[in-house]
Amino acid sequence: MKTQVLMAAIVAGFGLVATGAVAQERPDFATLDTNGDGAISITELQAQGEQRFATADTDGNGALSEAELLAQASERAEDRAAKMVERMMEKLDENGDGEIQQSEMPERDSDRGERMFERADANDDGVLSAEEFEAAADHERGGRRGEHGDKRGEGREARGDRG
C-alpha cells in the first residue's frame, strides 16, 4: 500500500507531464499540504495536478492545446532565464552598478579553446571546414564525429586509414 501511495505521489505531484500538464517547478511541502495537517495525502497531490492542468488550460475547455502548452513552456523558460540572470548579477556585478563589465567576467581558460579547436581540426590544416565544425558539434551533442573521427584515431578505419 505504501508503495502504491508513493508511486501515486510521484506521478501526481511531480510527474505532471503524465497528466498532460506542463512540468513546472516542484511545489514545496507546504504548498502540497493544502489542509495544513502536516501530511500530504494522495487527494492533495491529485488536486495539485488538477490545479496545474486548469492553470495551463487558459481557455477552460478541459484540454491543453499546442498554444497553451507552448505558452506554459515559454513562461517556464523565461522564469528560469530570469533566475539565471539574477544569479549572474549577484555573482559577477562586483561594483554593484547593475551591469556586468568585461573586467567583471570570469577568466576563461584560453588553452581550453585552443585544445578544442585542435581536436576539431581533424586534418591539422589550421582551419575548420564545415564538415569538421559539424563533426565537432555532433561530438558536443554526444553523437558520433562522422568520418573524420578525432586525433586519437577514432574514425580512421571508416576512412581506410591504418594509423
N, C-alpha and C. Protein backbone atom coordinates (compact mmCIF):
# COMPACT_ATOMS: atom_id res chain seq x y z
N MET A 1 0.82 -1.20 0.00
CA MET A 1 0.00 0.00 0.00
C MET A 1 0.86 1.26 0.00
N LYS A 2 1.91 1.29 0.85
CA LYS A 2 2.77 2.46 0.90
C LYS A 2 3.45 2.69 -0.43
N THR A 3 3.84 1.60 -1.10
CA THR A 3 4.48 1.72 -2.41
C THR A 3 3.53 2.34 -3.42
N GLN A 4 2.26 1.93 -3.37
CA GLN A 4 1.28 2.50 -4.31
C GLN A 4 1.07 3.98 -4.06
N VAL A 5 0.98 4.36 -2.78
CA VAL A 5 0.80 5.77 -2.45
C VAL A 5 2.02 6.57 -2.87
N LEU A 6 3.22 6.03 -2.64
CA LEU A 6 4.45 6.73 -3.04
C LEU A 6 4.49 6.91 -4.56
N MET A 7 4.18 5.87 -5.29
CA MET A 7 4.19 5.98 -6.75
C MET A 7 3.14 6.99 -7.21
N ALA A 8 1.98 6.96 -6.60
CA ALA A 8 0.94 7.92 -6.96
C ALA A 8 1.41 9.34 -6.65
N ALA A 9 2.11 9.51 -5.54
CA ALA A 9 2.62 10.83 -5.18
C ALA A 9 3.62 11.33 -6.20
N ILE A 10 4.49 10.44 -6.62
CA ILE A 10 5.50 10.83 -7.61
C ILE A 10 4.83 11.24 -8.91
N VAL A 11 3.88 10.43 -9.37
CA VAL A 11 3.20 10.73 -10.64
C VAL A 11 2.33 11.97 -10.51
N ALA A 12 1.51 12.02 -9.46
CA ALA A 12 0.56 13.12 -9.34
C ALA A 12 1.22 14.43 -8.94
N GLY A 13 2.19 14.35 -8.04
CA GLY A 13 2.77 15.59 -7.51
C GLY A 13 3.91 16.13 -8.31
N PHE A 14 4.71 15.25 -8.87
CA PHE A 14 5.94 15.72 -9.52
C PHE A 14 6.01 15.38 -11.00
N GLY A 15 5.32 14.39 -11.43
CA GLY A 15 5.37 13.99 -12.84
C GLY A 15 4.13 14.42 -13.57
N LEU A 16 3.80 15.68 -13.48
CA LEU A 16 2.54 16.15 -14.03
C LEU A 16 2.48 16.11 -15.54
N VAL A 17 3.58 15.85 -16.18
CA VAL A 17 3.55 15.70 -17.63
C VAL A 17 2.66 14.52 -17.99
N ALA A 18 2.66 13.50 -17.14
CA ALA A 18 1.84 12.31 -17.39
C ALA A 18 0.36 12.65 -17.39
N THR A 19 -0.06 13.70 -16.67
CA THR A 19 -1.46 14.09 -16.65
C THR A 19 -1.78 15.06 -17.77
N GLY A 20 -0.77 15.43 -18.54
CA GLY A 20 -0.99 16.37 -19.62
C GLY A 20 -0.60 17.79 -19.25
N ALA A 21 -0.31 18.04 -18.00
CA ALA A 21 0.09 19.37 -17.58
C ALA A 21 1.58 19.55 -17.85
N VAL A 22 1.95 20.77 -18.06
CA VAL A 22 3.35 21.08 -18.28
C VAL A 22 4.08 21.01 -16.94
N ALA A 23 5.22 20.35 -16.93
CA ALA A 23 6.00 20.26 -15.69
C ALA A 23 6.45 21.66 -15.30
N GLN A 24 6.27 21.97 -14.03
CA GLN A 24 6.70 23.25 -13.51
C GLN A 24 7.64 22.98 -12.36
N GLU A 25 8.04 24.04 -11.69
CA GLU A 25 8.91 23.85 -10.54
C GLU A 25 8.19 22.99 -9.53
N ARG A 26 8.95 22.16 -8.87
CA ARG A 26 8.41 21.25 -7.88
C ARG A 26 7.83 22.06 -6.72
N PRO A 27 6.58 21.81 -6.36
CA PRO A 27 6.00 22.55 -5.23
C PRO A 27 6.63 22.12 -3.91
N ASP A 28 6.65 23.03 -2.96
CA ASP A 28 7.19 22.67 -1.65
C ASP A 28 6.13 21.95 -0.83
N PHE A 29 6.55 21.41 0.29
CA PHE A 29 5.67 20.61 1.15
C PHE A 29 4.43 21.40 1.55
N ALA A 30 4.63 22.64 2.00
CA ALA A 30 3.52 23.45 2.49
C ALA A 30 2.49 23.69 1.39
N THR A 31 2.93 23.84 0.16
CA THR A 31 2.00 24.05 -0.95
C THR A 31 1.15 22.80 -1.17
N LEU A 32 1.78 21.64 -1.08
CA LEU A 32 1.06 20.39 -1.29
C LEU A 32 0.16 20.03 -0.12
N ASP A 33 0.55 20.40 1.08
CA ASP A 33 -0.24 20.11 2.29
C ASP A 33 -1.31 21.18 2.42
N THR A 34 -2.33 21.09 1.56
CA THR A 34 -3.33 22.16 1.48
C THR A 34 -4.18 22.30 2.74
N ASN A 35 -4.37 21.23 3.52
CA ASN A 35 -5.17 21.35 4.73
C ASN A 35 -4.32 21.64 5.97
N GLY A 36 -3.00 21.73 5.79
CA GLY A 36 -2.11 22.12 6.88
C GLY A 36 -2.00 21.12 8.02
N ASP A 37 -2.26 19.85 7.75
CA ASP A 37 -2.22 18.87 8.84
C ASP A 37 -0.84 18.23 9.02
N GLY A 38 0.15 18.71 8.28
CA GLY A 38 1.50 18.17 8.42
C GLY A 38 1.73 16.88 7.64
N ALA A 39 0.81 16.52 6.79
CA ALA A 39 0.94 15.32 5.97
C ALA A 39 0.33 15.59 4.60
N ILE A 40 0.86 14.92 3.59
CA ILE A 40 0.35 15.08 2.23
C ILE A 40 -0.39 13.80 1.85
N SER A 41 -1.65 13.95 1.54
CA SER A 41 -2.45 12.81 1.12
C SER A 41 -2.43 12.70 -0.41
N ILE A 42 -2.83 11.54 -0.91
CA ILE A 42 -2.91 11.36 -2.35
C ILE A 42 -3.93 12.32 -2.94
N THR A 43 -4.98 12.62 -2.20
CA THR A 43 -6.00 13.56 -2.66
C THR A 43 -5.40 14.95 -2.86
N GLU A 44 -4.54 15.36 -1.91
CA GLU A 44 -3.89 16.67 -2.04
C GLU A 44 -2.96 16.70 -3.24
N LEU A 45 -2.24 15.61 -3.49
CA LEU A 45 -1.35 15.55 -4.66
C LEU A 45 -2.14 15.61 -5.96
N GLN A 46 -3.22 14.88 -6.00
CA GLN A 46 -4.05 14.87 -7.21
C GLN A 46 -4.65 16.25 -7.45
N ALA A 47 -5.06 16.91 -6.37
CA ALA A 47 -5.62 18.26 -6.50
C ALA A 47 -4.59 19.22 -7.07
N GLN A 48 -3.34 19.07 -6.65
CA GLN A 48 -2.26 19.92 -7.17
C GLN A 48 -2.11 19.72 -8.68
N GLY A 49 -2.14 18.46 -9.11
CA GLY A 49 -2.03 18.16 -10.54
C GLY A 49 -3.19 18.74 -11.32
N GLU A 50 -4.39 18.62 -10.77
CA GLU A 50 -5.57 19.18 -11.43
C GLU A 50 -5.48 20.70 -11.51
N GLN A 51 -4.96 21.32 -10.46
CA GLN A 51 -4.81 22.78 -10.44
C GLN A 51 -3.84 23.24 -11.51
N ARG A 52 -2.73 22.54 -11.63
CA ARG A 52 -1.75 22.90 -12.66
C ARG A 52 -2.34 22.76 -14.06
N PHE A 53 -3.10 21.69 -14.25
CA PHE A 53 -3.74 21.49 -15.55
C PHE A 53 -4.71 22.64 -15.83
N ALA A 54 -5.54 22.98 -14.83
CA ALA A 54 -6.52 24.05 -15.00
C ALA A 54 -5.84 25.38 -15.28
N THR A 55 -4.71 25.63 -14.63
CA THR A 55 -3.97 26.87 -14.87
C THR A 55 -3.45 26.92 -16.31
N ALA A 56 -2.98 25.79 -16.80
CA ALA A 56 -2.46 25.75 -18.17
C ALA A 56 -3.58 25.84 -19.20
N ASP A 57 -4.78 25.38 -18.84
CA ASP A 57 -5.94 25.38 -19.74
C ASP A 57 -6.58 26.76 -19.73
N THR A 58 -5.95 27.71 -20.39
CA THR A 58 -6.37 29.11 -20.31
C THR A 58 -7.73 29.37 -20.93
N ASP A 59 -8.16 28.55 -21.89
CA ASP A 59 -9.48 28.77 -22.48
C ASP A 59 -10.57 27.97 -21.76
N GLY A 60 -10.19 27.16 -20.77
CA GLY A 60 -11.15 26.45 -19.95
C GLY A 60 -11.93 25.35 -20.64
N ASN A 61 -11.40 24.82 -21.74
CA ASN A 61 -12.15 23.80 -22.47
C ASN A 61 -11.84 22.37 -22.02
N GLY A 62 -11.02 22.22 -20.98
CA GLY A 62 -10.71 20.89 -20.46
C GLY A 62 -9.64 20.16 -21.23
N ALA A 63 -8.97 20.85 -22.12
CA ALA A 63 -7.90 20.24 -22.91
C ALA A 63 -6.78 21.26 -23.10
N LEU A 64 -5.57 20.76 -23.27
CA LEU A 64 -4.44 21.66 -23.49
C LEU A 64 -4.06 21.65 -24.96
N SER A 65 -4.18 22.81 -25.57
CA SER A 65 -3.80 22.95 -26.98
C SER A 65 -2.30 23.12 -27.09
N GLU A 66 -1.82 23.04 -28.31
CA GLU A 66 -0.40 23.28 -28.55
C GLU A 66 -0.01 24.69 -28.10
N ALA A 67 -0.88 25.65 -28.37
CA ALA A 67 -0.60 27.04 -27.98
C ALA A 67 -0.53 27.19 -26.46
N GLU A 68 -1.43 26.50 -25.73
CA GLU A 68 -1.39 26.58 -24.28
C GLU A 68 -0.14 25.93 -23.71
N LEU A 69 0.23 24.79 -24.28
CA LEU A 69 1.46 24.12 -23.83
C LEU A 69 2.68 24.97 -24.13
N LEU A 70 2.69 25.58 -25.31
CA LEU A 70 3.81 26.45 -25.68
C LEU A 70 3.89 27.66 -24.77
N ALA A 71 2.75 28.23 -24.43
CA ALA A 71 2.73 29.39 -23.52
C ALA A 71 3.29 29.01 -22.15
N GLN A 72 2.91 27.83 -21.64
CA GLN A 72 3.42 27.38 -20.36
C GLN A 72 4.93 27.13 -20.43
N ALA A 73 5.37 26.49 -21.51
CA ALA A 73 6.80 26.22 -21.68
C ALA A 73 7.59 27.52 -21.78
N SER A 74 7.06 28.49 -22.51
CA SER A 74 7.73 29.79 -22.66
C SER A 74 7.82 30.51 -21.32
N GLU A 75 6.74 30.46 -20.56
CA GLU A 75 6.73 31.11 -19.25
C GLU A 75 7.77 30.48 -18.33
N ARG A 76 7.84 29.17 -18.37
CA ARG A 76 8.83 28.47 -17.52
C ARG A 76 10.25 28.82 -17.97
N ALA A 77 10.49 28.85 -19.28
CA ALA A 77 11.82 29.19 -19.78
C ALA A 77 12.19 30.62 -19.38
N GLU A 78 11.24 31.54 -19.47
CA GLU A 78 11.50 32.92 -19.07
C GLU A 78 11.83 33.01 -17.58
N ASP A 79 11.09 32.26 -16.77
CA ASP A 79 11.35 32.26 -15.32
C ASP A 79 12.74 31.73 -15.03
N ARG A 80 13.12 30.64 -15.69
CA ARG A 80 14.45 30.08 -15.46
C ARG A 80 15.54 31.03 -15.93
N ALA A 81 15.32 31.68 -17.07
CA ALA A 81 16.31 32.63 -17.58
C ALA A 81 16.44 33.81 -16.62
N ALA A 82 15.33 34.29 -16.09
CA ALA A 82 15.38 35.41 -15.16
C ALA A 82 16.15 35.03 -13.89
N LYS A 83 15.94 33.82 -13.41
CA LYS A 83 16.67 33.37 -12.22
C LYS A 83 18.15 33.24 -12.50
N MET A 84 18.49 32.75 -13.69
CA MET A 84 19.89 32.61 -14.07
C MET A 84 20.55 33.98 -14.14
N VAL A 85 19.88 34.95 -14.75
CA VAL A 85 20.43 36.30 -14.85
C VAL A 85 20.58 36.91 -13.47
N GLU A 86 19.62 36.70 -12.60
CA GLU A 86 19.71 37.22 -11.24
C GLU A 86 20.93 36.65 -10.51
N ARG A 87 21.16 35.33 -10.66
CA ARG A 87 22.33 34.71 -10.03
C ARG A 87 23.62 35.26 -10.63
N MET A 88 23.64 35.47 -11.95
CA MET A 88 24.83 36.03 -12.58
C MET A 88 25.13 37.43 -12.05
N MET A 89 24.08 38.24 -11.93
CA MET A 89 24.28 39.60 -11.44
C MET A 89 24.81 39.58 -10.01
N GLU A 90 24.24 38.72 -9.18
CA GLU A 90 24.70 38.63 -7.79
C GLU A 90 26.16 38.19 -7.73
N LYS A 91 26.53 37.27 -8.59
CA LYS A 91 27.87 36.70 -8.55
C LYS A 91 28.91 37.60 -9.22
N LEU A 92 28.55 38.23 -10.34
CA LEU A 92 29.55 38.90 -11.16
C LEU A 92 29.60 40.42 -11.02
N ASP A 93 28.50 41.05 -10.64
CA ASP A 93 28.47 42.52 -10.58
C ASP A 93 29.21 43.00 -9.33
N GLU A 94 30.53 42.99 -9.42
CA GLU A 94 31.38 43.31 -8.26
C GLU A 94 31.21 44.75 -7.78
N ASN A 95 31.00 45.70 -8.69
CA ASN A 95 30.91 47.09 -8.27
C ASN A 95 29.47 47.52 -7.97
N GLY A 96 28.50 46.61 -8.12
CA GLY A 96 27.12 46.87 -7.74
C GLY A 96 26.39 47.89 -8.58
N ASP A 97 26.84 48.12 -9.81
CA ASP A 97 26.19 49.14 -10.64
C ASP A 97 25.03 48.59 -11.47
N GLY A 98 24.70 47.32 -11.30
CA GLY A 98 23.59 46.74 -12.05
C GLY A 98 23.96 46.31 -13.46
N GLU A 99 25.24 46.36 -13.78
CA GLU A 99 25.74 45.94 -15.09
C GLU A 99 26.99 45.10 -14.89
N ILE A 100 27.24 44.24 -15.84
CA ILE A 100 28.46 43.42 -15.77
C ILE A 100 29.42 43.91 -16.85
N GLN A 101 30.53 44.47 -16.41
CA GLN A 101 31.56 44.91 -17.34
C GLN A 101 32.44 43.72 -17.71
N GLN A 102 33.15 43.87 -18.81
CA GLN A 102 34.07 42.83 -19.26
C GLN A 102 35.07 42.48 -18.15
N SER A 103 35.52 43.50 -17.43
CA SER A 103 36.50 43.26 -16.36
C SER A 103 35.92 42.42 -15.21
N GLU A 104 34.60 42.35 -15.10
CA GLU A 104 33.97 41.56 -14.06
C GLU A 104 33.70 40.11 -14.50
N MET A 105 33.89 39.85 -15.77
CA MET A 105 33.66 38.50 -16.28
C MET A 105 34.77 37.58 -15.78
N PRO A 106 34.42 36.32 -15.50
CA PRO A 106 35.45 35.39 -15.01
C PRO A 106 36.49 35.11 -16.08
N GLU A 107 37.69 34.86 -15.63
CA GLU A 107 38.77 34.50 -16.55
C GLU A 107 38.45 33.17 -17.20
N ARG A 108 38.71 33.06 -18.47
CA ARG A 108 38.49 31.81 -19.19
C ARG A 108 39.81 31.11 -19.41
N ASP A 109 39.75 29.81 -19.47
CA ASP A 109 40.93 29.00 -19.77
C ASP A 109 41.17 29.09 -21.28
N SER A 110 42.08 29.97 -21.70
CA SER A 110 42.31 30.17 -23.13
C SER A 110 42.88 28.92 -23.78
N ASP A 111 43.62 28.13 -23.01
CA ASP A 111 44.15 26.87 -23.55
C ASP A 111 43.03 25.90 -23.90
N ARG A 112 41.94 25.98 -23.17
CA ARG A 112 40.82 25.08 -23.43
C ARG A 112 40.27 25.29 -24.83
N GLY A 113 40.08 26.54 -25.21
CA GLY A 113 39.58 26.85 -26.55
C GLY A 113 40.53 26.35 -27.63
N GLU A 114 41.81 26.54 -27.40
CA GLU A 114 42.80 26.08 -28.37
C GLU A 114 42.78 24.56 -28.48
N ARG A 115 42.66 23.88 -27.34
CA ARG A 115 42.61 22.41 -27.36
C ARG A 115 41.37 21.92 -28.10
N MET A 116 40.25 22.58 -27.87
CA MET A 116 39.02 22.20 -28.57
C MET A 116 39.17 22.40 -30.08
N PHE A 117 39.78 23.53 -30.47
CA PHE A 117 39.99 23.80 -31.89
C PHE A 117 40.88 22.73 -32.50
N GLU A 118 41.96 22.40 -31.82
CA GLU A 118 42.89 21.40 -32.34
C GLU A 118 42.22 20.04 -32.50
N ARG A 119 41.37 19.67 -31.55
CA ARG A 119 40.65 18.40 -31.67
C ARG A 119 39.69 18.42 -32.85
N ALA A 120 39.05 19.55 -33.08
CA ALA A 120 38.09 19.66 -34.18
C ALA A 120 38.77 19.70 -35.54
N ASP A 121 39.99 20.21 -35.59
CA ASP A 121 40.75 20.32 -36.85
C ASP A 121 41.33 18.95 -37.20
N ALA A 122 40.48 18.08 -37.72
CA ALA A 122 40.84 16.67 -37.95
C ALA A 122 42.02 16.51 -38.90
N ASN A 123 42.14 17.39 -39.89
CA ASN A 123 43.24 17.23 -40.86
C ASN A 123 44.44 18.13 -40.56
N ASP A 124 44.44 18.77 -39.41
CA ASP A 124 45.57 19.60 -38.95
C ASP A 124 46.00 20.68 -39.94
N ASP A 125 45.02 21.28 -40.64
CA ASP A 125 45.40 22.34 -41.58
C ASP A 125 45.27 23.74 -40.97
N GLY A 126 44.91 23.83 -39.69
CA GLY A 126 44.85 25.12 -39.01
C GLY A 126 43.55 25.87 -39.19
N VAL A 127 42.60 25.31 -39.90
CA VAL A 127 41.28 25.91 -40.07
C VAL A 127 40.22 24.81 -39.96
N LEU A 128 39.00 25.22 -39.66
CA LEU A 128 37.91 24.25 -39.58
C LEU A 128 37.04 24.34 -40.83
N SER A 129 36.89 23.22 -41.50
CA SER A 129 35.95 23.15 -42.61
C SER A 129 34.55 23.01 -42.04
N ALA A 130 33.54 23.16 -42.88
CA ALA A 130 32.16 22.99 -42.43
C ALA A 130 31.96 21.58 -41.88
N GLU A 131 32.58 20.59 -42.51
CA GLU A 131 32.44 19.21 -42.05
C GLU A 131 33.09 19.01 -40.68
N GLU A 132 34.27 19.59 -40.48
CA GLU A 132 34.94 19.48 -39.18
C GLU A 132 34.13 20.18 -38.10
N PHE A 133 33.58 21.33 -38.44
CA PHE A 133 32.76 22.08 -37.50
C PHE A 133 31.54 21.26 -37.09
N GLU A 134 30.84 20.69 -38.07
CA GLU A 134 29.66 19.88 -37.79
C GLU A 134 30.01 18.63 -36.99
N ALA A 135 31.14 18.00 -37.31
CA ALA A 135 31.57 16.82 -36.58
C ALA A 135 31.85 17.18 -35.12
N ALA A 136 32.46 18.33 -34.88
CA ALA A 136 32.73 18.77 -33.51
C ALA A 136 31.41 19.07 -32.78
N ALA A 137 30.48 19.69 -33.48
CA ALA A 137 29.18 19.99 -32.87
C ALA A 137 28.44 18.69 -32.54
N ASP A 138 28.49 17.72 -33.44
CA ASP A 138 27.87 16.41 -33.16
C ASP A 138 28.50 15.77 -31.94
N HIS A 139 29.81 15.88 -31.84
CA HIS A 139 30.53 15.32 -30.70
C HIS A 139 30.09 15.99 -29.40
N GLU A 140 29.93 17.30 -29.43
CA GLU A 140 29.49 18.04 -28.25
C GLU A 140 28.09 17.62 -27.85
N ARG A 141 27.25 17.29 -28.83
CA ARG A 141 25.88 16.85 -28.54
C ARG A 141 25.84 15.39 -28.13
N GLY A 142 26.99 14.75 -28.09
CA GLY A 142 27.04 13.35 -27.66
C GLY A 142 26.95 12.37 -28.81
N GLY A 143 26.96 12.86 -30.03
CA GLY A 143 26.87 11.99 -31.19
C GLY A 143 28.23 11.54 -31.67
N ARG A 144 28.22 10.91 -32.81
CA ARG A 144 29.47 10.47 -33.42
C ARG A 144 30.13 11.61 -34.16
N ARG A 145 31.40 11.52 -34.37
CA ARG A 145 32.17 12.57 -35.02
C ARG A 145 32.16 12.42 -36.53
N GLY A 146 31.42 11.48 -37.06
CA GLY A 146 31.38 11.33 -38.50
C GLY A 146 32.62 10.66 -39.02
N GLU A 147 32.93 10.85 -40.26
CA GLU A 147 34.04 10.13 -40.88
C GLU A 147 35.40 10.62 -40.44
N HIS A 148 35.49 11.86 -39.93
CA HIS A 148 36.79 12.40 -39.55
C HIS A 148 37.35 11.77 -38.28
N GLY A 149 36.46 11.37 -37.36
CA GLY A 149 36.96 10.85 -36.09
C GLY A 149 37.64 11.95 -35.32
N ASP A 150 38.57 11.57 -34.45
CA ASP A 150 39.32 12.60 -33.74
C ASP A 150 40.79 12.25 -33.75
N LYS A 151 41.59 13.05 -33.06
CA LYS A 151 43.04 12.90 -33.12
C LYS A 151 43.53 11.62 -32.45
N ARG A 152 42.64 10.96 -31.67
CA ARG A 152 43.04 9.71 -31.03
C ARG A 152 42.87 8.52 -31.96
N GLY A 153 42.42 8.75 -33.17
CA GLY A 153 42.34 7.67 -34.14
C GLY A 153 40.94 7.17 -34.38
N GLU A 154 39.94 7.69 -33.67
CA GLU A 154 38.59 7.25 -33.92
C GLU A 154 38.19 7.65 -35.32
N GLY A 155 37.57 6.76 -36.01
CA GLY A 155 37.10 7.06 -37.36
C GLY A 155 38.10 6.73 -38.44
N ARG A 156 39.32 6.38 -38.09
CA ARG A 156 40.32 6.09 -39.11
C ARG A 156 39.94 4.91 -39.97
N GLU A 157 39.38 3.87 -39.33
CA GLU A 157 39.00 2.70 -40.12
C GLU A 157 37.92 3.07 -41.13
N ALA A 158 37.03 3.98 -40.74
CA ALA A 158 35.97 4.40 -41.66
C ALA A 158 36.55 5.09 -42.89
N ARG A 159 37.72 5.73 -42.74
CA ARG A 159 38.35 6.42 -43.86
C ARG A 159 39.36 5.52 -44.56
N GLY A 160 39.61 4.34 -44.01
CA GLY A 160 40.58 3.44 -44.59
C GLY A 160 41.99 3.68 -44.10
N ASP A 161 42.17 4.57 -43.10
CA ASP A 161 43.49 4.82 -42.54
C ASP A 161 43.89 3.69 -41.61
N ARG A 162 45.13 3.44 -41.49
CA ARG A 162 45.63 2.40 -40.58
C ARG A 162 46.46 3.00 -39.46
N GLY A 163 46.69 4.26 -39.41
CA GLY A 163 47.43 4.80 -38.28
C GLY A 163 48.34 5.84 -38.71
